[in-house]
Amino acid sequence: MGVSAKDKLRSGTREWVFQRVANFLICLWAITFITTVLLQAPTDMESWRALFVPMWFKLFSTLVLLFAGLNSMLAGWQIGTDYIKVPA
């Protein structure tokens, strides 16, 4: 429940690096997805389903979704602690 001195003195470097890695993975996933769609040009439901069949794409999509969720939670926490102040 208490806040230690170590937590107060953190520089935020880990959070900054995490956000950059997460943003890079999100962009890489988007580029991969758009490239795959443009190269395969799916026209029916079976073609669209075939895009998501490879296990590497399922794992990559799951990882990116997890990172995007954690990234948004971290961003909300940063906005909340930077801009929302309790009146004294």
PDB file of N, CA and C in Angstrom:
ATOM      1  N   MET A   1       0.821  -1.186   0.000  1.00  0.00           N
ATOM      2  CA  MET A   1       0.000   0.000   0.000  1.00  0.00           C
ATOM      3  C   MET A   1       0.864   1.249   0.000  1.00  0.00           C
ATOM      4  N   GLY A   2       1.994   1.209   0.708  1.00  0.00           N
ATOM      5  CA  GLY A   2       2.874   2.368   0.784  1.00  0.00           C
ATOM      6  C   GLY A   2       3.745   2.480  -0.456  1.00  0.00           C
ATOM      7  N   VAL A   3       4.274   3.660  -0.641  1.00  0.00           N
ATOM      8  CA  VAL A   3       5.150   3.924  -1.778  1.00  0.00           C
ATOM      9  C   VAL A   3       6.566   4.019  -1.256  1.00  0.00           C
ATOM     10  N   SER A   4       7.461   3.226  -1.828  1.00  0.00           N
ATOM     11  CA  SER A   4       8.838   3.251  -1.368  1.00  0.00           C
ATOM     12  C   SER A   4       9.602   4.389  -2.030  1.00  0.00           C
ATOM     13  N   ALA A   5      10.745   4.721  -1.453  1.00  0.00           N
ATOM     14  CA  ALA A   5      11.579   5.795  -2.009  1.00  0.00           C
ATOM     15  C   ALA A   5      12.097   5.407  -3.387  1.00  0.00           C
ATOM     16  N   LYS A   6      12.311   4.115  -3.596  1.00  0.00           N
ATOM     17  CA  LYS A   6      12.798   3.659  -4.898  1.00  0.00           C
ATOM     18  C   LYS A   6      11.786   3.978  -5.996  1.00  0.00           C
ATOM     19  N   ASP A   7      10.492   3.781  -5.708  1.00  0.00           N
ATOM     20  CA  ASP A   7       9.453   4.077  -6.697  1.00  0.00           C
ATOM     21  C   ASP A   7       9.380   5.560  -7.014  1.00  0.00           C
ATOM     22  N   LYS A   8       9.620   6.403  -6.027  1.00  0.00           N
ATOM     23  CA  LYS A   8       9.552   7.844  -6.248  1.00  0.00           C
ATOM     24  C   LYS A   8      10.729   8.347  -7.075  1.00  0.00           C
ATOM     25  N   LEU A   9      11.859   7.654  -7.026  1.00  0.00           N
ATOM     26  CA  LEU A   9      13.069   8.123  -7.683  1.00  0.00           C
ATOM     27  C   LEU A   9      13.294   7.517  -9.062  1.00  0.00           C
ATOM     28  N   ARG A  10      12.358   6.719  -9.538  1.00  0.00           N
ATOM     29  CA  ARG A  10      12.529   6.126 -10.871  1.00  0.00           C
ATOM     30  C   ARG A  10      12.490   7.205 -11.927  1.00  0.00           C
ATOM     31  N   SER A  11      13.308   7.026 -12.955  1.00  0.00           N
ATOM     32  CA  SER A  11      13.384   8.048 -13.999  1.00  0.00           C
ATOM     33  C   SER A  11      12.350   7.845 -15.097  1.00  0.00           C
ATOM     34  N   GLY A  12      11.743   6.693 -15.171  1.00  0.00           N
ATOM     35  CA  GLY A  12      10.764   6.440 -16.220  1.00  0.00           C
ATOM     36  C   GLY A  12      11.378   5.886 -17.491  1.00  0.00           C
ATOM     37  N   THR A  13      12.648   5.537 -17.445  1.00  0.00           N
ATOM     38  CA  THR A  13      13.330   5.031 -18.637  1.00  0.00           C
ATOM     39  C   THR A  13      12.725   3.721 -19.110  1.00  0.00           C
ATOM     40  N   ARG A  14      12.415   2.835 -18.176  1.00  0.00           N
ATOM     41  CA  ARG A  14      11.822   1.552 -18.573  1.00  0.00           C
ATOM     42  C   ARG A  14      10.483   1.744 -19.257  1.00  0.00           C
ATOM     43  N   GLU A  15       9.671   2.656 -18.747  1.00  0.00           N
ATOM     44  CA  GLU A  15       8.373   2.926 -19.366  1.00  0.00           C
ATOM     45  C   GLU A  15       8.542   3.512 -20.760  1.00  0.00           C
ATOM     46  N   TRP A  16       9.513   4.408 -20.895  1.00  0.00           N
ATOM     47  CA  TRP A  16       9.775   5.047 -22.188  1.00  0.00           C
ATOM     48  C   TRP A  16      10.215   3.999 -23.215  1.00  0.00           C
ATOM     49  N   VAL A  17      11.143   3.127 -22.816  1.00  0.00           N
ATOM     50  CA  VAL A  17      11.633   2.083 -23.722  1.00  0.00           C
ATOM     51  C   VAL A  17      10.501   1.121 -24.068  1.00  0.00           C
ATOM     52  N   PHE A  18       9.688   0.736 -23.081  1.00  0.00           N
ATOM     53  CA  PHE A  18       8.567  -0.163 -23.345  1.00  0.00           C
ATOM     54  C   PHE A  18       7.613   0.439 -24.366  1.00  0.00           C
ATOM     55  N   GLN A  19       7.297   1.724 -24.216  1.00  0.00           N
ATOM     56  CA  GLN A  19       6.383   2.362 -25.162  1.00  0.00           C
ATOM     57  C   GLN A  19       6.967   2.378 -26.568  1.00  0.00           C
ATOM     58  N   ARG A  20       8.254   2.622 -26.687  1.00  0.00           N
ATOM     59  CA  ARG A  20       8.876   2.650 -28.016  1.00  0.00           C
ATOM     60  C   ARG A  20       8.878   1.264 -28.651  1.00  0.00           C
ATOM     61  N   VAL A  21       9.179   0.236 -27.864  1.00  0.00           N
ATOM     62  CA  VAL A  21       9.166  -1.136 -28.382  1.00  0.00           C
ATOM     63  C   VAL A  21       7.745  -1.529 -28.775  1.00  0.00           C
ATOM     64  N   ALA A  22       6.774  -1.207 -27.938  1.00  0.00           N
ATOM     65  CA  ALA A  22       5.379  -1.530 -28.244  1.00  0.00           C
ATOM     66  C   ALA A  22       4.920  -0.815 -29.509  1.00  0.00           C
ATOM     67  N   ASN A  23       5.250   0.455 -29.641  1.00  0.00           N
ATOM     68  CA  ASN A  23       4.863   1.204 -30.838  1.00  0.00           C
ATOM     69  C   ASN A  23       5.533   0.644 -32.087  1.00  0.00           C
ATOM     70  N   PHE A  24       6.788   0.224 -31.958  1.00  0.00           N
ATOM     71  CA  PHE A  24       7.486  -0.387 -33.089  1.00  0.00           C
ATOM     72  C   PHE A  24       6.797  -1.683 -33.508  1.00  0.00           C
ATOM     73  N   LEU A  25       6.430  -2.526 -32.541  1.00  0.00           N
ATOM     74  CA  LEU A  25       5.756  -3.785 -32.861  1.00  0.00           C
ATOM     75  C   LEU A  25       4.390  -3.549 -33.495  1.00  0.00           C
ATOM     76  N   ILE A  26       3.659  -2.548 -33.015  1.00  0.00           N
ATOM     77  CA  ILE A  26       2.356  -2.230 -33.599  1.00  0.00           C
ATOM     78  C   ILE A  26       2.523  -1.792 -35.051  1.00  0.00           C
ATOM     79  N   CYS A  27       3.506  -0.938 -35.310  1.00  0.00           N
ATOM     80  CA  CYS A  27       3.761  -0.491 -36.693  1.00  0.00           C
ATOM     81  C   CYS A  27       4.214  -1.650 -37.570  1.00  0.00           C
ATOM     82  N   LEU A  28       5.067  -2.526 -37.029  1.00  0.00           N
ATOM     83  CA  LEU A  28       5.536  -3.681 -37.791  1.00  0.00           C
ATOM     84  C   LEU A  28       4.373  -4.610 -38.123  1.00  0.00           C
ATOM     85  N   TRP A  29       3.457  -4.817 -37.176  1.00  0.00           N
ATOM     86  CA  TRP A  29       2.285  -5.649 -37.440  1.00  0.00           C
ATOM     87  C   TRP A  29       1.425  -5.021 -38.530  1.00  0.00           C
ATOM     88  N   ALA A  30       1.216  -3.714 -38.462  1.00  0.00           N
ATOM     89  CA  ALA A  30       0.386  -3.033 -39.465  1.00  0.00           C
ATOM     90  C   ALA A  30       1.010  -3.147 -40.853  1.00  0.00           C
ATOM     91  N   ILE A  31       2.314  -2.969 -40.937  1.00  0.00           N
ATOM     92  CA  ILE A  31       2.999  -3.096 -42.233  1.00  0.00           C
ATOM     93  C   ILE A  31       2.884  -4.523 -42.752  1.00  0.00           C
ATOM     94  N   THR A  32       3.079  -5.506 -41.863  1.00  0.00           N
ATOM     95  CA  THR A  32       2.964  -6.913 -42.254  1.00  0.00           C
ATOM     96  C   THR A  32       1.556  -7.227 -42.743  1.00  0.00           C
ATOM     97  N   PHE A  33       0.554  -6.761 -42.016  1.00  0.00           N
ATOM     98  CA  PHE A  33      -0.833  -7.036 -42.386  1.00  0.00           C
ATOM     99  C   PHE A  33      -1.191  -6.376 -43.720  1.00  0.00           C
ATOM    100  N   ILE A  34      -0.846  -5.111 -43.876  1.00  0.00           N
ATOM    101  CA  ILE A  34      -1.171  -4.399 -45.120  1.00  0.00           C
ATOM    102  C   ILE A  34      -0.454  -5.025 -46.305  1.00  0.00           C
ATOM    103  N   THR A  35       0.808  -5.383 -46.130  1.00  0.00           N
ATOM    104  CA  THR A  35       1.562  -6.030 -47.208  1.00  0.00           C
ATOM    105  C   THR A  35       0.934  -7.367 -47.585  1.00  0.00           C
ATOM    106  N   THR A  36       0.557  -8.152 -46.594  1.00  0.00           N
ATOM    107  CA  THR A  36      -0.070  -9.446 -46.858  1.00  0.00           C
ATOM    108  C   THR A  36      -1.392  -9.278 -47.595  1.00  0.00           C
ATOM    109  N   VAL A  37      -2.185  -8.311 -47.177  1.00  0.00           N
ATOM    110  CA  VAL A  37      -3.473  -8.071 -47.843  1.00  0.00           C
ATOM    111  C   VAL A  37      -3.252  -7.626 -49.285  1.00  0.00           C
ATOM    112  N   LEU A  38      -2.288  -6.749 -49.501  1.00  0.00           N
ATOM    113  CA  LEU A  38      -2.036  -6.271 -50.863  1.00  0.00           C
ATOM    114  C   LEU A  38      -1.482  -7.366 -51.769  1.00  0.00           C
ATOM    115  N   LEU A  39      -0.643  -8.237 -51.222  1.00  0.00           N
ATOM    116  CA  LEU A  39      -0.051  -9.299 -52.041  1.00  0.00           C
ATOM    117  C   LEU A  39      -1.033 -10.430 -52.326  1.00  0.00           C
ATOM    118  N   GLN A  40      -1.875 -10.769 -51.359  1.00  0.00           N
ATOM    119  CA  GLN A  40      -2.798 -11.890 -51.555  1.00  0.00           C
ATOM    120  C   GLN A  40      -4.148 -11.461 -52.100  1.00  0.00           C
ATOM    121  N   ALA A  41      -4.506 -10.210 -51.957  1.00  0.00           N
ATOM    122  CA  ALA A  41      -5.767  -9.650 -52.464  1.00  0.00           C
ATOM    123  C   ALA A  41      -6.966 -10.560 -52.179  1.00  0.00           C
ATOM    124  N   PRO A  42      -7.319 -10.724 -50.904  1.00  0.00           N
ATOM    125  CA  PRO A  42      -8.458 -11.590 -50.575  1.00  0.00           C
ATOM    126  C   PRO A  42      -9.772 -11.001 -51.087  1.00  0.00           C
ATOM    127  N   THR A  43     -10.596 -11.872 -51.664  1.00  0.00           N
ATOM    128  CA  THR A  43     -11.870 -11.409 -52.220  1.00  0.00           C
ATOM    129  C   THR A  43     -13.084 -12.055 -51.560  1.00  0.00           C
ATOM    130  N   ASP A  44     -12.885 -13.202 -50.915  1.00  0.00           N
ATOM    131  CA  ASP A  44     -14.006 -13.861 -50.256  1.00  0.00           C
ATOM    132  C   ASP A  44     -13.630 -14.207 -48.814  1.00  0.00           C
ATOM    133  N   MET A  45     -14.571 -14.764 -48.094  1.00  0.00           N
ATOM    134  CA  MET A  45     -14.368 -15.057 -46.678  1.00  0.00           C
ATOM    135  C   MET A  45     -13.247 -16.066 -46.448  1.00  0.00           C
ATOM    136  N   GLU A  46     -13.145 -17.061 -47.285  1.00  0.00           N
ATOM    137  CA  GLU A  46     -12.091 -18.073 -47.140  1.00  0.00           C
ATOM    138  C   GLU A  46     -10.706 -17.463 -47.332  1.00  0.00           C
ATOM    139  N   SER A  47     -10.595 -16.536 -48.248  1.00  0.00           N
ATOM    140  CA  SER A  47      -9.307 -15.863 -48.464  1.00  0.00           C
ATOM    141  C   SER A  47      -8.919 -15.031 -47.247  1.00  0.00           C
ATOM    142  N   TRP A  48      -9.904 -14.358 -46.653  1.00  0.00           N
ATOM    143  CA  TRP A  48      -9.626 -13.566 -45.458  1.00  0.00           C
ATOM    144  C   TRP A  48      -9.243 -14.467 -44.291  1.00  0.00           C
ATOM    145  N   ARG A  49      -9.924 -15.595 -44.154  1.00  0.00           N
ATOM    146  CA  ARG A  49      -9.591 -16.531 -43.073  1.00  0.00           C
ATOM    147  C   ARG A  49      -8.200 -17.104 -43.261  1.00  0.00           C
ATOM    148  N   ALA A  50      -7.792 -17.299 -44.512  1.00  0.00           N
ATOM    149  CA  ALA A  50      -6.468 -17.854 -44.793  1.00  0.00           C
ATOM    150  C   ALA A  50      -5.350 -16.912 -44.347  1.00  0.00           C
ATOM    151  N   LEU A  51      -5.648 -15.624 -44.267  1.00  0.00           N
ATOM    152  CA  LEU A  51      -4.633 -14.673 -43.800  1.00  0.00           C
ATOM    153  C   LEU A  51      -4.231 -14.947 -42.352  1.00  0.00           C
ATOM    154  N   PHE A  52      -5.176 -15.433 -41.559  1.00  0.00           N
ATOM    155  CA  PHE A  52      -4.945 -15.605 -40.130  1.00  0.00           C
ATOM    156  C   PHE A  52      -4.659 -17.049 -39.726  1.00  0.00           C
ATOM    157  N   VAL A  53      -4.460 -17.930 -40.678  1.00  0.00           N
ATOM    158  CA  VAL A  53      -4.205 -19.339 -40.373  1.00  0.00           C
ATOM    159  C   VAL A  53      -2.787 -19.603 -39.861  1.00  0.00           C
ATOM    160  N   PRO A  54      -1.739 -18.987 -40.423  1.00  0.00           N
ATOM    161  CA  PRO A  54      -0.381 -19.317 -39.964  1.00  0.00           C
ATOM    162  C   PRO A  54      -0.191 -19.032 -38.468  1.00  0.00           C
ATOM    163  N   MET A  55       0.465 -19.970 -37.789  1.00  0.00           N
ATOM    164  CA  MET A  55       0.666 -19.838 -36.349  1.00  0.00           C
ATOM    165  C   MET A  55       1.520 -18.618 -36.008  1.00  0.00           C
ATOM    166  N   TRP A  56       2.509 -18.311 -36.857  1.00  0.00           N
ATOM    167  CA  TRP A  56       3.356 -17.150 -36.566  1.00  0.00           C
ATOM    168  C   TRP A  56       2.535 -15.864 -36.569  1.00  0.00           C
ATOM    169  N   PHE A  57       1.529 -15.784 -37.450  1.00  0.00           N
ATOM    170  CA  PHE A  57       0.704 -14.579 -37.506  1.00  0.00           C
ATOM    171  C   PHE A  57      -0.228 -14.494 -36.300  1.00  0.00           C
ATOM    172  N   LYS A  58      -0.730 -15.643 -35.859  1.00  0.00           N
ATOM    173  CA  LYS A  58      -1.582 -15.666 -34.666  1.00  0.00           C
ATOM    174  C   LYS A  58      -0.791 -15.223 -33.437  1.00  0.00           C
ATOM    175  N   LEU A  59       0.423 -15.762 -33.286  1.00  0.00           N
ATOM    176  CA  LEU A  59       1.259 -15.401 -32.138  1.00  0.00           C
ATOM    177  C   LEU A  59       1.668 -13.934 -32.187  1.00  0.00           C
ATOM    178  N   PHE A  60       2.059 -13.472 -33.371  1.00  0.00           N
ATOM    179  CA  PHE A  60       2.462 -12.078 -33.542  1.00  0.00           C
ATOM    180  C   PHE A  60       1.292 -11.144 -33.249  1.00  0.00           C
ATOM    181  N   SER A  61       0.107 -11.490 -33.725  1.00  0.00           N
ATOM    182  CA  SER A  61      -1.080 -10.666 -33.482  1.00  0.00           C
ATOM    183  C   SER A  61      -1.435 -10.637 -31.997  1.00  0.00           C
ATOM    184  N   THR A  62      -1.328 -11.779 -31.332  1.00  0.00           N
ATOM    185  CA  THR A  62      -1.619 -11.843 -29.903  1.00  0.00           C
ATOM    186  C   THR A  62      -0.620 -11.012 -29.108  1.00  0.00           C
ATOM    187  N   LEU A  63       0.655 -11.131 -29.452  1.00  0.00           N
ATOM    188  CA  LEU A  63       1.692 -10.356 -28.779  1.00  0.00           C
ATOM    189  C   LEU A  63       1.467  -8.856 -28.970  1.00  0.00           C
ATOM    190  N   VAL A  64       1.149  -8.458 -30.188  1.00  0.00           N
ATOM    191  CA  VAL A  64       0.913  -7.039 -30.473  1.00  0.00           C
ATOM    192  C   VAL A  64      -0.330  -6.545 -29.736  1.00  0.00           C
ATOM    193  N   LEU A  65      -1.366  -7.352 -29.668  1.00  0.00           N
ATOM    194  CA  LEU A  65      -2.574  -6.963 -28.935  1.00  0.00           C
ATOM    195  C   LEU A  65      -2.276  -6.789 -27.447  1.00  0.00           C
ATOM    196  N   LEU A  66      -1.480  -7.686 -26.884  1.00  0.00           N
ATOM    197  CA  LEU A  66      -1.081  -7.577 -25.487  1.00  0.00           C
ATOM    198  C   LEU A  66      -0.263  -6.307 -25.255  1.00  0.00           C
ATOM    199  N   PHE A  67       0.717  -6.066 -26.121  1.00  0.00           N
ATOM    200  CA  PHE A  67       1.555  -4.875 -25.992  1.00  0.00           C
ATOM    201  C   PHE A  67       0.737  -3.603 -26.173  1.00  0.00           C
ATOM    202  N   ALA A  68      -0.227  -3.609 -27.085  1.00  0.00           N
ATOM    203  CA  ALA A  68      -1.074  -2.429 -27.298  1.00  0.00           C
ATOM    204  C   ALA A  68      -1.914  -2.147 -26.052  1.00  0.00           C
ATOM    205  N   GLY A  69      -2.444  -3.193 -25.432  1.00  0.00           N
ATOM    206  CA  GLY A  69      -3.217  -3.007 -24.208  1.00  0.00           C
ATOM    207  C   GLY A  69      -2.373  -2.463 -23.066  1.00  0.00           C
ATOM    208  N   LEU A  70      -1.182  -3.042 -22.879  1.00  0.00           N
ATOM    209  CA  LEU A  70      -0.290  -2.555 -21.827  1.00  0.00           C
ATOM    210  C   LEU A  70       0.177  -1.133 -22.113  1.00  0.00           C
ATOM    211  N   ASN A  71       0.432  -0.849 -23.388  1.00  0.00           N
ATOM    212  CA  ASN A  71       0.857   0.490 -23.786  1.00  0.00           C
ATOM    213  C   ASN A  71      -0.233   1.514 -23.482  1.00  0.00           C
ATOM    214  N   SER A  72      -1.480   1.171 -23.758  1.00  0.00           N
ATOM    215  CA  SER A  72      -2.571   2.114 -23.490  1.00  0.00           C
ATOM    216  C   SER A  72      -2.789   2.296 -21.992  1.00  0.00           C
ATOM    217  N   MET A  73      -2.604   1.232 -21.203  1.00  0.00           N
ATOM    218  CA  MET A  73      -2.713   1.372 -19.754  1.00  0.00           C
ATOM    219  C   MET A  73      -1.615   2.286 -19.214  1.00  0.00           C
ATOM    220  N   LEU A  74      -0.407   2.117 -19.719  1.00  0.00           N
ATOM    221  CA  LEU A  74       0.706   2.961 -19.295  1.00  0.00           C
ATOM    222  C   LEU A  74       0.474   4.409 -19.703  1.00  0.00           C
ATOM    223  N   ALA A  75      -0.036   4.623 -20.896  1.00  0.00           N
ATOM    224  CA  ALA A  75      -0.320   5.988 -21.356  1.00  0.00           C
ATOM    225  C   ALA A  75      -1.401   6.628 -20.489  1.00  0.00           C
ATOM    226  N   GLY A  76      -2.433   5.881 -20.157  1.00  0.00           N
ATOM    227  CA  GLY A  76      -3.478   6.411 -19.277  1.00  0.00           C
ATOM    228  C   GLY A  76      -2.944   6.749 -17.901  1.00  0.00           C
ATOM    229  N   TRP A  77      -2.071   5.899 -17.380  1.00  0.00           N
ATOM    230  CA  TRP A  77      -1.453   6.167 -16.083  1.00  0.00           C
ATOM    231  C   TRP A  77      -0.606   7.436 -16.143  1.00  0.00           C
ATOM    232  N   GLN A  78       0.161   7.602 -17.218  1.00  0.00           N
ATOM    233  CA  GLN A  78       0.995   8.797 -17.350  1.00  0.00           C
ATOM    234  C   GLN A  78       0.151  10.059 -17.471  1.00  0.00           C
ATOM    235  N   ILE A  79      -0.903  10.003 -18.249  1.00  0.00           N
ATOM    236  CA  ILE A  79      -1.784  11.169 -18.379  1.00  0.00           C
ATOM    237  C   ILE A  79      -2.443  11.477 -17.039  1.00  0.00           C
ATOM    238  N   GLY A  80      -2.891  10.434 -16.363  1.00  0.00           N
ATOM    239  CA  GLY A  80      -3.532  10.636 -15.070  1.00  0.00           C
ATOM    240  C   GLY A  80      -2.614  11.250 -14.037  1.00  0.00           C
ATOM    241  N   THR A  81      -1.363  10.827 -14.005  1.00  0.00           N
ATOM    242  CA  THR A  81      -0.444  11.368 -13.002  1.00  0.00           C
ATOM    243  C   THR A  81       0.152  12.702 -13.420  1.00  0.00           C
ATOM    244  N   ASP A  82       0.185  13.002 -14.701  1.00  0.00           N
ATOM    245  CA  ASP A  82       0.755  14.273 -15.154  1.00  0.00           C
ATOM    246  C   ASP A  82      -0.252  15.414 -15.135  1.00  0.00           C
ATOM    247  N   TYR A  83      -1.494  15.148 -15.502  1.00  0.00           N
ATOM    248  CA  TYR A  83      -2.446  16.231 -15.718  1.00  0.00           C
ATOM    249  C   TYR A  83      -3.599  16.289 -14.732  1.00  0.00           C
ATOM    250  N   ILE A  84      -3.865  15.210 -14.041  1.00  0.00           N
ATOM    251  CA  ILE A  84      -4.972  15.212 -13.084  1.00  0.00           C
ATOM    252  C   ILE A  84      -4.383  15.382 -11.690  1.00  0.00           C
ATOM    253  N   LYS A  85      -4.684  16.496 -11.084  1.00  0.00           N
ATOM    254  CA  LYS A  85      -4.143  16.803  -9.759  1.00  0.00           C
ATOM    255  C   LYS A  85      -5.285  16.856  -8.750  1.00  0.00           C
ATOM    256  N   VAL A  86      -5.001  16.386  -7.563  1.00  0.00           N
ATOM    257  CA  VAL A  86      -5.971  16.442  -6.478  1.00  0.00           C
ATOM    258  C   VAL A  86      -5.900  17.844  -5.880  1.00  0.00           C
ATOM    259  N   PRO A  87      -7.038  18.529  -5.782  1.00  0.00           N
ATOM    260  CA  PRO A  87      -6.994  19.878  -5.203  1.00  0.00           C
ATOM    261  C   PRO A  87      -6.542  19.839  -3.745  1.00  0.00           C
ATOM    262  N   ALA A  88      -5.670  20.761  -3.415  1.00  0.00           N
ATOM    263  CA  ALA A  88      -5.117  20.791  -2.050  1.00  0.00           C
ATOM    264  C   ALA A  88      -5.974  21.602  -1.111  1.00  0.00           C
TER     265      ALA A  88
END
